[in-house]
Amino acid sequence: MSEPSRLDKLRALRDWLTYQLRQTDAKIRELEQQQAQAVGYMVEAEIRTGHPLGATVHRGDCTMAQRPTRPIAADEARLALAKDPAFTGCEFCRPGDGLGVTQAGDAKKPPPKR
């Protein structure tokens, strides 16, 4: 039997790489689905006690939190945003949108600086 040509080797490599790409794409889809199901929520400590903005609620995957956070359940986040003016939603990840609530604290936010 003769030695495989360079072209045959490249075709075999392409087939193997195509297989690997399909496997990787499937794993990415699986992990994206898991992440979407496990997003969760977290609450960021207030700047200081009595600060007008209060504590901030974030989606679990938000990277904008700058102070210590703790995880909270979706029901707790929904209740905090809808009923308690001591909580505000993050302006970037907008957790209220995913929870279907408007913020109780919207009325106490300071007006924008001019």
PDB file of N, CA and C in Angstrom:
ATOM      1  N   MET A   1       0.832  -1.172   0.000  1.00  0.00           N
ATOM      2  CA  MET A   1       0.000   0.000   0.000  1.00  0.00           C
ATOM      3  C   MET A   1       0.878   1.238   0.000  1.00  0.00           C
ATOM      4  N   SER A   2       0.476   2.207  -0.773  1.00  0.00           N
ATOM      5  CA  SER A   2       1.305   3.400  -0.911  1.00  0.00           C
ATOM      6  C   SER A   2       1.052   4.386   0.228  1.00  0.00           C
ATOM      7  N   GLU A   3       2.001   5.260   0.404  1.00  0.00           N
ATOM      8  CA  GLU A   3       1.941   6.332   1.416  1.00  0.00           C
ATOM      9  C   GLU A   3       0.852   7.325   1.027  1.00  0.00           C
ATOM     10  N   PRO A   4      -0.014   7.789   1.987  1.00  0.00           N
ATOM     11  CA  PRO A   4      -1.047   8.776   1.658  1.00  0.00           C
ATOM     12  C   PRO A   4      -0.401  10.069   1.164  1.00  0.00           C
ATOM     13  N   SER A   5      -1.034  10.656   0.188  1.00  0.00           N
ATOM     14  CA  SER A   5      -0.507  11.907  -0.361  1.00  0.00           C
ATOM     15  C   SER A   5      -0.746  13.056   0.625  1.00  0.00           C
ATOM     16  N   ARG A   6      -0.077  14.143   0.378  1.00  0.00           N
ATOM     17  CA  ARG A   6      -0.261  15.328   1.227  1.00  0.00           C
ATOM     18  C   ARG A   6      -1.710  15.801   1.158  1.00  0.00           C
ATOM     19  N   LEU A   7      -2.316  15.726  -0.006  1.00  0.00           N
ATOM     20  CA  LEU A   7      -3.716  16.128  -0.171  1.00  0.00           C
ATOM     21  C   LEU A   7      -4.639  15.240   0.666  1.00  0.00           C
ATOM     22  N   ASP A   8      -4.395  13.940   0.671  1.00  0.00           N
ATOM     23  CA  ASP A   8      -5.198  13.021   1.483  1.00  0.00           C
ATOM     24  C   ASP A   8      -5.065  13.336   2.972  1.00  0.00           C
ATOM     25  N   LYS A   9      -3.848  13.651   3.387  1.00  0.00           N
ATOM     26  CA  LYS A   9      -3.618  14.002   4.796  1.00  0.00           C
ATOM     27  C   LYS A   9      -4.369  15.283   5.164  1.00  0.00           C
ATOM     28  N   LEU A  10      -4.335  16.270   4.305  1.00  0.00           N
ATOM     29  CA  LEU A  10      -5.031  17.529   4.575  1.00  0.00           C
ATOM     30  C   LEU A  10      -6.541  17.331   4.608  1.00  0.00           C
ATOM     31  N   ARG A  11      -7.056  16.483   3.743  1.00  0.00           N
ATOM     32  CA  ARG A  11      -8.506  16.191   3.765  1.00  0.00           C
ATOM     33  C   ARG A  11      -8.894  15.490   5.065  1.00  0.00           C
ATOM     34  N   ALA A  12      -8.092  14.559   5.520  1.00  0.00           N
ATOM     35  CA  ALA A  12      -8.365  13.865   6.774  1.00  0.00           C
ATOM     36  C   ALA A  12      -8.311  14.857   7.952  1.00  0.00           C
ATOM     37  N   LEU A  13      -7.343  15.748   7.911  1.00  0.00           N
ATOM     38  CA  LEU A  13      -7.238  16.768   8.953  1.00  0.00           C
ATOM     39  C   LEU A  13      -8.464  17.673   8.948  1.00  0.00           C
ATOM     40  N   ARG A  14      -8.909  18.077   7.746  1.00  0.00           N
ATOM     41  CA  ARG A  14     -10.110  18.914   7.640  1.00  0.00           C
ATOM     42  C   ARG A  14     -11.322  18.200   8.222  1.00  0.00           C
ATOM     43  N   ASP A  15     -11.475  16.918   7.932  1.00  0.00           N
ATOM     44  CA  ASP A  15     -12.605  16.155   8.472  1.00  0.00           C
ATOM     45  C   ASP A  15     -12.554  16.112   9.995  1.00  0.00           C
ATOM     46  N   TRP A  16     -11.361  15.873  10.543  1.00  0.00           N
ATOM     47  CA  TRP A  16     -11.213  15.814  11.989  1.00  0.00           C
ATOM     48  C   TRP A  16     -11.506  17.178  12.622  1.00  0.00           C
ATOM     49  N   LEU A  17     -11.014  18.252  12.012  1.00  0.00           N
ATOM     50  CA  LEU A  17     -11.261  19.599  12.537  1.00  0.00           C
ATOM     51  C   LEU A  17     -12.748  19.964  12.451  1.00  0.00           C
ATOM     52  N   THR A  18     -13.424  19.545  11.394  1.00  0.00           N
ATOM     53  CA  THR A  18     -14.864  19.778  11.267  1.00  0.00           C
ATOM     54  C   THR A  18     -15.613  19.071  12.383  1.00  0.00           C
ATOM     55  N   TYR A  19     -15.211  17.838  12.674  1.00  0.00           N
ATOM     56  CA  TYR A  19     -15.806  17.091  13.780  1.00  0.00           C
ATOM     57  C   TYR A  19     -15.585  17.836  15.099  1.00  0.00           C
ATOM     58  N   GLN A  20     -14.368  18.274  15.337  1.00  0.00           N
ATOM     59  CA  GLN A  20     -14.051  18.994  16.570  1.00  0.00           C
ATOM     60  C   GLN A  20     -14.864  20.300  16.682  1.00  0.00           C
ATOM     61  N   LEU A  21     -15.029  20.994  15.576  1.00  0.00           N
ATOM     62  CA  LEU A  21     -15.806  22.231  15.573  1.00  0.00           C
ATOM     63  C   LEU A  21     -17.265  21.950  15.931  1.00  0.00           C
ATOM     64  N   ARG A  22     -17.850  20.896  15.369  1.00  0.00           N
ATOM     65  CA  ARG A  22     -19.232  20.528  15.711  1.00  0.00           C
ATOM     66  C   ARG A  22     -19.360  20.180  17.187  1.00  0.00           C
ATOM     67  N   GLN A  23     -18.400  19.449  17.725  1.00  0.00           N
ATOM     68  CA  GLN A  23     -18.425  19.085  19.143  1.00  0.00           C
ATOM     69  C   GLN A  23     -18.320  20.347  20.019  1.00  0.00           C
ATOM     70  N   THR A  24     -17.445  21.263  19.643  1.00  0.00           N
ATOM     71  CA  THR A  24     -17.271  22.506  20.399  1.00  0.00           C
ATOM     72  C   THR A  24     -18.528  23.355  20.341  1.00  0.00           C
ATOM     73  N   ASP A  25     -19.132  23.481  19.164  1.00  0.00           N
ATOM     74  CA  ASP A  25     -20.376  24.255  19.020  1.00  0.00           C
ATOM     75  C   ASP A  25     -21.487  23.662  19.885  1.00  0.00           C
ATOM     76  N   ALA A  26     -21.589  22.349  19.926  1.00  0.00           N
ATOM     77  CA  ALA A  26     -22.617  21.705  20.745  1.00  0.00           C
ATOM     78  C   ALA A  26     -22.378  21.986  22.230  1.00  0.00           C
ATOM     79  N   LYS A  27     -21.130  21.942  22.672  1.00  0.00           N
ATOM     80  CA  LYS A  27     -20.813  22.218  24.073  1.00  0.00           C
ATOM     81  C   LYS A  27     -21.111  23.680  24.408  1.00  0.00           C
ATOM     82  N   ILE A  28     -20.816  24.604  23.506  1.00  0.00           N
ATOM     83  CA  ILE A  28     -21.119  26.021  23.722  1.00  0.00           C
ATOM     84  C   ILE A  28     -22.624  26.217  23.885  1.00  0.00           C
ATOM     85  N   ARG A  29     -23.418  25.604  23.011  1.00  0.00           N
ATOM     86  CA  ARG A  29     -24.876  25.714  23.124  1.00  0.00           C
ATOM     87  C   ARG A  29     -25.372  25.175  24.461  1.00  0.00           C
ATOM     88  N   GLU A  30     -24.828  24.046  24.880  1.00  0.00           N
ATOM     89  CA  GLU A  30     -25.223  23.439  26.154  1.00  0.00           C
ATOM     90  C   GLU A  30     -24.889  24.373  27.328  1.00  0.00           C
ATOM     91  N   LEU A  31     -23.702  24.936  27.337  1.00  0.00           N
ATOM     92  CA  LEU A  31     -23.303  25.819  28.429  1.00  0.00           C
ATOM     93  C   LEU A  31     -24.089  27.131  28.411  1.00  0.00           C
ATOM     94  N   GLU A  32     -24.423  27.638  27.227  1.00  0.00           N
ATOM     95  CA  GLU A  32     -25.241  28.849  27.140  1.00  0.00           C
ATOM     96  C   GLU A  32     -26.632  28.609  27.720  1.00  0.00           C
ATOM     97  N   GLN A  33     -27.201  27.447  27.457  1.00  0.00           N
ATOM     98  CA  GLN A  33     -28.510  27.113  28.013  1.00  0.00           C
ATOM     99  C   GLN A  33     -28.442  26.993  29.529  1.00  0.00           C
ATOM    100  N   GLN A  34     -27.390  26.365  30.038  1.00  0.00           N
ATOM    101  CA  GLN A  34     -27.231  26.236  31.484  1.00  0.00           C
ATOM    102  C   GLN A  34     -27.079  27.612  32.133  1.00  0.00           C
ATOM    103  N   GLN A  35     -26.296  28.467  31.505  1.00  0.00           N
ATOM    104  CA  GLN A  35     -26.069  29.800  32.045  1.00  0.00           C
ATOM    105  C   GLN A  35     -27.366  30.614  32.047  1.00  0.00           C
ATOM    106  N   ALA A  36     -28.140  30.507  30.992  1.00  0.00           N
ATOM    107  CA  ALA A  36     -29.396  31.242  30.910  1.00  0.00           C
ATOM    108  C   ALA A  36     -30.373  30.790  31.998  1.00  0.00           C
ATOM    109  N   GLN A  37     -30.336  29.529  32.347  1.00  0.00           N
ATOM    110  CA  GLN A  37     -31.233  29.006  33.369  1.00  0.00           C
ATOM    111  C   GLN A  37     -30.759  29.353  34.779  1.00  0.00           C
ATOM    112  N   ALA A  38     -29.463  29.588  34.944  1.00  0.00           N
ATOM    113  CA  ALA A  38     -28.912  29.800  36.281  1.00  0.00           C
ATOM    114  C   ALA A  38     -28.451  31.234  36.519  1.00  0.00           C
ATOM    115  N   VAL A  39     -28.990  32.189  35.770  1.00  0.00           N
ATOM    116  CA  VAL A  39     -28.525  33.567  35.899  1.00  0.00           C
ATOM    117  C   VAL A  39     -28.667  34.055  37.328  1.00  0.00           C
ATOM    118  N   GLY A  40     -29.840  33.976  37.916  1.00  0.00           N
ATOM    119  CA  GLY A  40     -30.038  34.412  39.284  1.00  0.00           C
ATOM    120  C   GLY A  40     -29.871  35.920  39.438  1.00  0.00           C
ATOM    121  N   TYR A  41     -29.860  36.348  40.664  1.00  0.00           N
ATOM    122  CA  TYR A  41     -29.744  37.773  40.977  1.00  0.00           C
ATOM    123  C   TYR A  41     -28.846  37.941  42.187  1.00  0.00           C
ATOM    124  N   MET A  42     -28.338  39.154  42.370  1.00  0.00           N
ATOM    125  CA  MET A  42     -27.520  39.473  43.529  1.00  0.00           C
ATOM    126  C   MET A  42     -27.827  40.892  43.963  1.00  0.00           C
ATOM    127  N   VAL A  43     -27.581  41.156  45.233  1.00  0.00           N
ATOM    128  CA  VAL A  43     -27.793  42.500  45.756  1.00  0.00           C
ATOM    129  C   VAL A  43     -26.446  43.037  46.217  1.00  0.00           C
ATOM    130  N   GLU A  44     -26.165  44.255  45.788  1.00  0.00           N
ATOM    131  CA  GLU A  44     -24.916  44.940  46.128  1.00  0.00           C
ATOM    132  C   GLU A  44     -25.183  45.855  47.325  1.00  0.00           C
ATOM    133  N   ALA A  45     -24.295  45.822  48.295  1.00  0.00           N
ATOM    134  CA  ALA A  45     -24.455  46.649  49.494  1.00  0.00           C
ATOM    135  C   ALA A  45     -24.576  48.123  49.115  1.00  0.00           C
ATOM    136  N   GLU A  46     -25.322  48.876  49.928  1.00  0.00           N
ATOM    137  CA  GLU A  46     -25.463  50.303  49.650  1.00  0.00           C
ATOM    138  C   GLU A  46     -24.137  51.014  49.871  1.00  0.00           C
ATOM    139  N   ILE A  47     -23.991  52.186  49.274  1.00  0.00           N
ATOM    140  CA  ILE A  47     -22.748  52.943  49.356  1.00  0.00           C
ATOM    141  C   ILE A  47     -22.397  53.217  50.816  1.00  0.00           C
ATOM    142  N   ARG A  48     -23.358  53.694  51.554  1.00  0.00           N
ATOM    143  CA  ARG A  48     -23.238  53.862  53.005  1.00  0.00           C
ATOM    144  C   ARG A  48     -24.648  53.853  53.573  1.00  0.00           C
ATOM    145  N   THR A  49     -24.769  53.582  54.830  1.00  0.00           N
ATOM    146  CA  THR A  49     -26.085  53.514  55.458  1.00  0.00           C
ATOM    147  C   THR A  49     -26.833  54.822  55.244  1.00  0.00           C
ATOM    148  N   GLY A  50     -28.056  54.707  54.752  1.00  0.00           N
ATOM    149  CA  GLY A  50     -28.891  55.881  54.529  1.00  0.00           C
ATOM    150  C   GLY A  50     -28.655  56.601  53.212  1.00  0.00           C
ATOM    151  N   HIS A  51     -27.761  56.088  52.375  1.00  0.00           N
ATOM    152  CA  HIS A  51     -27.532  56.735  51.077  1.00  0.00           C
ATOM    153  C   HIS A  51     -28.823  56.693  50.264  1.00  0.00           C
ATOM    154  N   PRO A  52     -29.155  57.777  49.547  1.00  0.00           N
ATOM    155  CA  PRO A  52     -30.447  57.835  48.850  1.00  0.00           C
ATOM    156  C   PRO A  52     -30.668  56.747  47.798  1.00  0.00           C
ATOM    157  N   LEU A  53     -29.622  56.191  47.226  1.00  0.00           N
ATOM    158  CA  LEU A  53     -29.814  55.151  46.211  1.00  0.00           C
ATOM    159  C   LEU A  53     -30.019  53.769  46.818  1.00  0.00           C
ATOM    160  N   GLY A  54     -29.666  53.583  48.082  1.00  0.00           N
ATOM    161  CA  GLY A  54     -29.882  52.294  48.735  1.00  0.00           C
ATOM    162  C   GLY A  54     -29.025  51.191  48.145  1.00  0.00           C
ATOM    163  N   ALA A  55     -29.459  49.959  48.345  1.00  0.00           N
ATOM    164  CA  ALA A  55     -28.764  48.792  47.811  1.00  0.00           C
ATOM    165  C   ALA A  55     -29.169  48.602  46.349  1.00  0.00           C
ATOM    166  N   THR A  56     -28.299  47.961  45.583  1.00  0.00           N
ATOM    167  CA  THR A  56     -28.549  47.786  44.152  1.00  0.00           C
ATOM    168  C   THR A  56     -28.735  46.317  43.825  1.00  0.00           C
ATOM    169  N   VAL A  57     -29.789  46.012  43.076  1.00  0.00           N
ATOM    170  CA  VAL A  57     -30.059  44.646  42.624  1.00  0.00           C
ATOM    171  C   VAL A  57     -29.462  44.485  41.225  1.00  0.00           C
ATOM    172  N   HIS A  58     -28.745  43.389  41.017  1.00  0.00           N
ATOM    173  CA  HIS A  58     -28.109  43.076  39.728  1.00  0.00           C
ATOM    174  C   HIS A  58     -28.551  41.691  39.266  1.00  0.00           C
ATOM    175  N   ARG A  59     -28.459  41.452  37.956  1.00  0.00           N
ATOM    176  CA  ARG A  59     -28.560  40.091  37.446  1.00  0.00           C
ATOM    177  C   ARG A  59     -27.307  39.355  37.901  1.00  0.00           C
ATOM    178  N   GLY A  60     -27.399  38.055  38.019  1.00  0.00           N
ATOM    179  CA  GLY A  60     -26.272  37.261  38.493  1.00  0.00           C
ATOM    180  C   GLY A  60     -25.038  37.344  37.622  1.00  0.00           C
ATOM    181  N   ASP A  61     -25.205  37.665  36.342  1.00  0.00           N
ATOM    182  CA  ASP A  61     -24.064  37.726  35.443  1.00  0.00           C
ATOM    183  C   ASP A  61     -23.553  39.147  35.213  1.00  0.00           C
ATOM    184  N   CYS A  62     -24.061  40.123  35.960  1.00  0.00           N
ATOM    185  CA  CYS A  62     -23.644  41.517  35.798  1.00  0.00           C
ATOM    186  C   CYS A  62     -22.244  41.704  36.379  1.00  0.00           C
ATOM    187  N   THR A  63     -21.417  42.457  35.691  1.00  0.00           N
ATOM    188  CA  THR A  63     -20.049  42.702  36.148  1.00  0.00           C
ATOM    189  C   THR A  63     -19.863  44.127  36.661  1.00  0.00           C
ATOM    190  N   MET A  64     -20.950  44.865  36.825  1.00  0.00           N
ATOM    191  CA  MET A  64     -20.847  46.269  37.221  1.00  0.00           C
ATOM    192  C   MET A  64     -20.833  46.493  38.736  1.00  0.00           C
ATOM    193  N   ALA A  65     -21.094  45.485  39.520  1.00  0.00           N
ATOM    194  CA  ALA A  65     -21.095  45.646  40.979  1.00  0.00           C
ATOM    195  C   ALA A  65     -19.684  45.991  41.449  1.00  0.00           C
ATOM    196  N   GLN A  66     -19.587  46.982  42.327  1.00  0.00           N
ATOM    197  CA  GLN A  66     -18.283  47.416  42.816  1.00  0.00           C
ATOM    198  C   GLN A  66     -18.120  47.197  44.312  1.00  0.00           C
ATOM    199  N   ARG A  67     -19.203  46.934  45.005  1.00  0.00           N
ATOM    200  CA  ARG A  67     -19.171  46.687  46.447  1.00  0.00           C
ATOM    201  C   ARG A  67     -19.539  45.223  46.695  1.00  0.00           C
ATOM    202  N   PRO A  68     -19.416  44.764  47.932  1.00  0.00           N
ATOM    203  CA  PRO A  68     -19.749  43.357  48.224  1.00  0.00           C
ATOM    204  C   PRO A  68     -21.181  43.010  47.801  1.00  0.00           C
ATOM    205  N   THR A  69     -21.357  41.802  47.300  1.00  0.00           N
ATOM    206  CA  THR A  69     -22.671  41.332  46.861  1.00  0.00           C
ATOM    207  C   THR A  69     -23.014  40.034  47.575  1.00  0.00           C
ATOM    208  N   ARG A  70     -24.303  39.711  47.538  1.00  0.00           N
ATOM    209  CA  ARG A  70     -24.751  38.401  48.017  1.00  0.00           C
ATOM    210  C   ARG A  70     -25.852  37.933  47.072  1.00  0.00           C
ATOM    211  N   PRO A  71     -25.920  36.628  46.826  1.00  0.00           N
ATOM    212  CA  PRO A  71     -26.954  36.123  45.919  1.00  0.00           C
ATOM    213  C   PRO A  71     -28.331  36.212  46.555  1.00  0.00           C
ATOM    214  N   ILE A  72     -29.344  36.460  45.723  1.00  0.00           N
ATOM    215  CA  ILE A  72     -30.730  36.431  46.176  1.00  0.00           C
ATOM    216  C   ILE A  72     -31.572  35.717  45.125  1.00  0.00           C
ATOM    217  N   ALA A  73     -32.680  35.159  45.566  1.00  0.00           N
ATOM    218  CA  ALA A  73     -33.584  34.447  44.661  1.00  0.00           C
ATOM    219  C   ALA A  73     -34.355  35.460  43.810  1.00  0.00           C
ATOM    220  N   ALA A  74     -34.878  35.001  42.701  1.00  0.00           N
ATOM    221  CA  ALA A  74     -35.648  35.874  41.803  1.00  0.00           C
ATOM    222  C   ALA A  74     -36.848  36.481  42.517  1.00  0.00           C
ATOM    223  N   ASP A  75     -37.517  35.713  43.360  1.00  0.00           N
ATOM    224  CA  ASP A  75     -38.671  36.235  44.096  1.00  0.00           C
ATOM    225  C   ASP A  75     -38.272  37.372  45.033  1.00  0.00           C
ATOM    226  N   GLU A  76     -37.116  37.220  45.685  1.00  0.00           N
ATOM    227  CA  GLU A  76     -36.634  38.280  46.575  1.00  0.00           C
ATOM    228  C   GLU A  76     -36.281  39.533  45.782  1.00  0.00           C
ATOM    229  N   ALA A  77     -35.631  39.347  44.637  1.00  0.00           N
ATOM    230  CA  ALA A  77     -35.262  40.492  43.795  1.00  0.00           C
ATOM    231  C   ALA A  77     -36.517  41.197  43.284  1.00  0.00           C
ATOM    232  N   ARG A  78     -37.498  40.420  42.865  1.00  0.00           N
ATOM    233  CA  ARG A  78     -38.758  40.992  42.369  1.00  0.00           C
ATOM    234  C   ARG A  78     -39.439  41.816  43.460  1.00  0.00           C
ATOM    235  N   LEU A  79     -39.525  41.259  44.654  1.00  0.00           N
ATOM    236  CA  LEU A  79     -40.162  41.941  45.777  1.00  0.00           C
ATOM    237  C   LEU A  79     -39.388  43.207  46.156  1.00  0.00           C
ATOM    238  N   ALA A  80     -38.068  43.117  46.214  1.00  0.00           N
ATOM    239  CA  ALA A  80     -37.247  44.274  46.580  1.00  0.00           C
ATOM    240  C   ALA A  80     -37.442  45.417  45.592  1.00  0.00           C
ATOM    241  N   LEU A  81     -37.429  45.109  44.297  1.00  0.00           N
ATOM    242  CA  LEU A  81     -37.560  46.164  43.296  1.00  0.00           C
ATOM    243  C   LEU A  81     -38.972  46.728  43.226  1.00  0.00           C
ATOM    244  N   ALA A  82     -39.962  45.884  43.394  1.00  0.00           N
ATOM    245  CA  ALA A  82     -41.349  46.333  43.235  1.00  0.00           C
ATOM    246  C   ALA A  82     -41.891  47.033  44.470  1.00  0.00           C
ATOM    247  N   LYS A  83     -41.473  46.608  45.654  1.00  0.00           N
ATOM    248  CA  LYS A  83     -42.131  47.080  46.876  1.00  0.00           C
ATOM    249  C   LYS A  83     -41.259  47.925  47.794  1.00  0.00           C
ATOM    250  N   ASP A  84     -39.942  47.792  47.710  1.00  0.00           N
ATOM    251  CA  ASP A  84     -39.070  48.444  48.696  1.00  0.00           C
ATOM    252  C   ASP A  84     -38.241  49.554  48.054  1.00  0.00           C
ATOM    253  N   PRO A  85     -38.507  50.802  48.409  1.00  0.00           N
ATOM    254  CA  PRO A  85     -37.747  51.917  47.819  1.00  0.00           C
ATOM    255  C   PRO A  85     -36.289  51.954  48.267  1.00  0.00           C
ATOM    256  N   ALA A  86     -35.884  51.100  49.207  1.00  0.00           N
ATOM    257  CA  ALA A  86     -34.485  51.046  49.626  1.00  0.00           C
ATOM    258  C   ALA A  86     -33.619  50.305  48.609  1.00  0.00           C
ATOM    259  N   PHE A  87     -34.233  49.728  47.569  1.00  0.00           N
ATOM    260  CA  PHE A  87     -33.493  48.988  46.547  1.00  0.00           C
ATOM    261  C   PHE A  87     -33.668  49.652  45.192  1.00  0.00           C
ATOM    262  N   THR A  88     -32.591  49.689  44.422  1.00  0.00           N
ATOM    263  CA  THR A  88     -32.664  50.156  43.045  1.00  0.00           C
ATOM    264  C   THR A  88     -32.111  49.063  42.141  1.00  0.00           C
ATOM    265  N   GLY A  89     -32.497  49.082  40.879  1.00  0.00           N
ATOM    266  CA  GLY A  89     -31.972  48.131  39.911  1.00  0.00           C
ATOM    267  C   GLY A  89     -30.760  48.719  39.211  1.00  0.00           C
ATOM    268  N   CYS A  90     -29.828  47.882  38.863  1.00  0.00           N
ATOM    269  CA  CYS A  90     -28.638  48.307  38.124  1.00  0.00           C
ATOM    270  C   CYS A  90     -29.065  48.920  36.787  1.00  0.00           C
ATOM    271  N   GLU A  91     -28.461  50.041  36.436  1.00  0.00           N
ATOM    272  CA  GLU A  91     -28.789  50.715  35.179  1.00  0.00           C
ATOM    273  C   GLU A  91     -28.272  49.946  33.965  1.00  0.00           C
ATOM    274  N   PHE A  92     -27.292  49.078  34.164  1.00  0.00           N
ATOM    275  CA  PHE A  92     -26.662  48.387  33.049  1.00  0.00           C
ATOM    276  C   PHE A  92     -27.327  47.046  32.749  1.00  0.00           C
ATOM    277  N   CYS A  93     -27.508  46.207  33.775  1.00  0.00           N
ATOM    278  CA  CYS A  93     -28.092  44.881  33.525  1.00  0.00           C
ATOM    279  C   CYS A  93     -29.610  44.880  33.622  1.00  0.00           C
ATOM    280  N   ARG A  94     -30.210  45.915  34.214  1.00  0.00           N
ATOM    281  CA  ARG A  94     -31.654  46.123  34.304  1.00  0.00           C
ATOM    282  C   ARG A  94     -32.401  44.859  34.758  1.00  0.00           C
ATOM    283  N   PRO A  95     -32.200  44.438  35.999  1.00  0.00           N
ATOM    284  CA  PRO A  95     -32.832  43.202  36.473  1.00  0.00           C
ATOM    285  C   PRO A  95     -34.354  43.265  36.482  1.00  0.00           C
ATOM    286  N   GLY A  96     -34.927  44.440  36.633  1.00  0.00           N
ATOM    287  CA  GLY A  96     -36.384  44.572  36.638  1.00  0.00           C
ATOM    288  C   GLY A  96     -37.013  44.136  35.334  1.00  0.00           C
ATOM    289  N   ASP A  97     -36.303  44.329  34.218  1.00  0.00           N
ATOM    290  CA  ASP A  97     -36.835  43.912  32.920  1.00  0.00           C
ATOM    291  C   ASP A  97     -37.064  42.407  32.874  1.00  0.00           C
ATOM    292  N   GLY A  98     -36.091  41.651  33.358  1.00  0.00           N
ATOM    293  CA  GLY A  98     -36.214  40.202  33.358  1.00  0.00           C
ATOM    294  C   GLY A  98     -37.223  39.691  34.365  1.00  0.00           C
ATOM    295  N   LEU A  99     -37.466  40.488  35.403  1.00  0.00           N
ATOM    296  CA  LEU A  99     -38.415  40.083  36.449  1.00  0.00           C
ATOM    297  C   LEU A  99     -39.813  40.604  36.180  1.00  0.00           C
ATOM    298  N   GLY A 100     -39.958  41.474  35.203  1.00  0.00           N
ATOM    299  CA  GLY A 100     -41.259  42.033  34.863  1.00  0.00           C
ATOM    300  C   GLY A 100     -41.784  43.021  35.888  1.00  0.00           C
ATOM    301  N   VAL A 101     -40.876  43.801  36.490  1.00  0.00           N
ATOM    302  CA  VAL A 101     -41.301  44.780  37.491  1.00  0.00           C
ATOM    303  C   VAL A 101     -40.723  46.152  37.187  1.00  0.00           C
ATOM    304  N   THR A 102     -41.424  47.178  37.668  1.00  0.00           N
ATOM    305  CA  THR A 102     -40.862  48.521  37.682  1.00  0.00           C
ATOM    306  C   THR A 102     -40.418  48.795  39.100  1.00  0.00           C
ATOM    307  N   GLN A 103     -39.475  49.670  39.255  1.00  0.00           N
ATOM    308  CA  GLN A 103     -38.889  49.911  40.558  1.00  0.00           C
ATOM    309  C   GLN A 103     -39.735  50.803  41.434  1.00  0.00           C
ATOM    310  N   ALA A 104     -39.854  50.422  42.694  1.00  0.00           N
ATOM    311  CA  ALA A 104     -40.516  51.273  43.683  1.00  0.00           C
ATOM    312  C   ALA A 104     -39.654  52.491  43.965  1.00  0.00           C
ATOM    313  N   GLY A 105     -38.337  52.365  43.821  1.00  0.00           N
ATOM    314  CA  GLY A 105     -37.420  53.450  44.151  1.00  0.00           C
ATOM    315  C   GLY A 105     -37.233  54.477  43.057  1.00  0.00           C
ATOM    316  N   ASP A 106     -37.924  54.350  41.922  1.00  0.00           N
ATOM    317  CA  ASP A 106     -37.723  55.298  40.831  1.00  0.00           C
ATOM    318  C   ASP A 106     -38.022  56.730  41.244  1.00  0.00           C
ATOM    319  N   ALA A 107     -39.005  56.936  42.095  1.00  0.00           N
ATOM    320  CA  ALA A 107     -39.400  58.288  42.477  1.00  0.00           C
ATOM    321  C   ALA A 107     -38.353  58.967  43.355  1.00  0.00           C
ATOM    322  N   LYS A 108     -37.505  58.186  44.045  1.00  0.00           N
ATOM    323  CA  LYS A 108     -36.561  58.813  44.953  1.00  0.00           C
ATOM    324  C   LYS A 108     -35.192  59.062  44.319  1.00  0.00           C
ATOM    325  N   LYS A 109     -34.993  58.673  43.075  1.00  0.00           N
ATOM    326  CA  LYS A 109     -33.712  58.892  42.435  1.00  0.00           C
ATOM    327  C   LYS A 109     -33.493  60.389  42.241  1.00  0.00           C
ATOM    328  N   PRO A 110     -32.284  60.865  42.466  1.00  0.00           N
ATOM    329  CA  PRO A 110     -32.035  62.285  42.272  1.00  0.00           C
ATOM    330  C   PRO A 110     -32.132  62.655  40.799  1.00  0.00           C
ATOM    331  N   PRO A 111     -32.525  63.885  40.492  1.00  0.00           N
ATOM    332  CA  PRO A 111     -32.599  64.282  39.092  1.00  0.00           C
ATOM    333  C   PRO A 111     -31.203  64.325  38.480  1.00  0.00           C
ATOM    334  N   PRO A 112     -31.118  64.146  37.160  1.00  0.00           N
ATOM    335  CA  PRO A 112     -29.804  64.174  36.520  1.00  0.00           C
ATOM    336  C   PRO A 112     -29.158  65.539  36.656  1.00  0.00           C
ATOM    337  N   LYS A 113     -27.831  65.550  36.797  1.00  0.00           N
ATOM    338  CA  LYS A 113     -27.095  66.820  36.906  1.00  0.00           C
ATOM    339  C   LYS A 113     -27.031  67.501  35.552  1.00  0.00           C
ATOM    340  N   ARG A 114     -27.132  68.805  35.564  1.00  0.00           N
ATOM    341  CA  ARG A 114     -27.074  69.562  34.302  1.00  0.00           C
ATOM    342  C   ARG A 114     -25.757  70.252  34.153  1.00  0.00           C
TER     343      ARG A 114
END
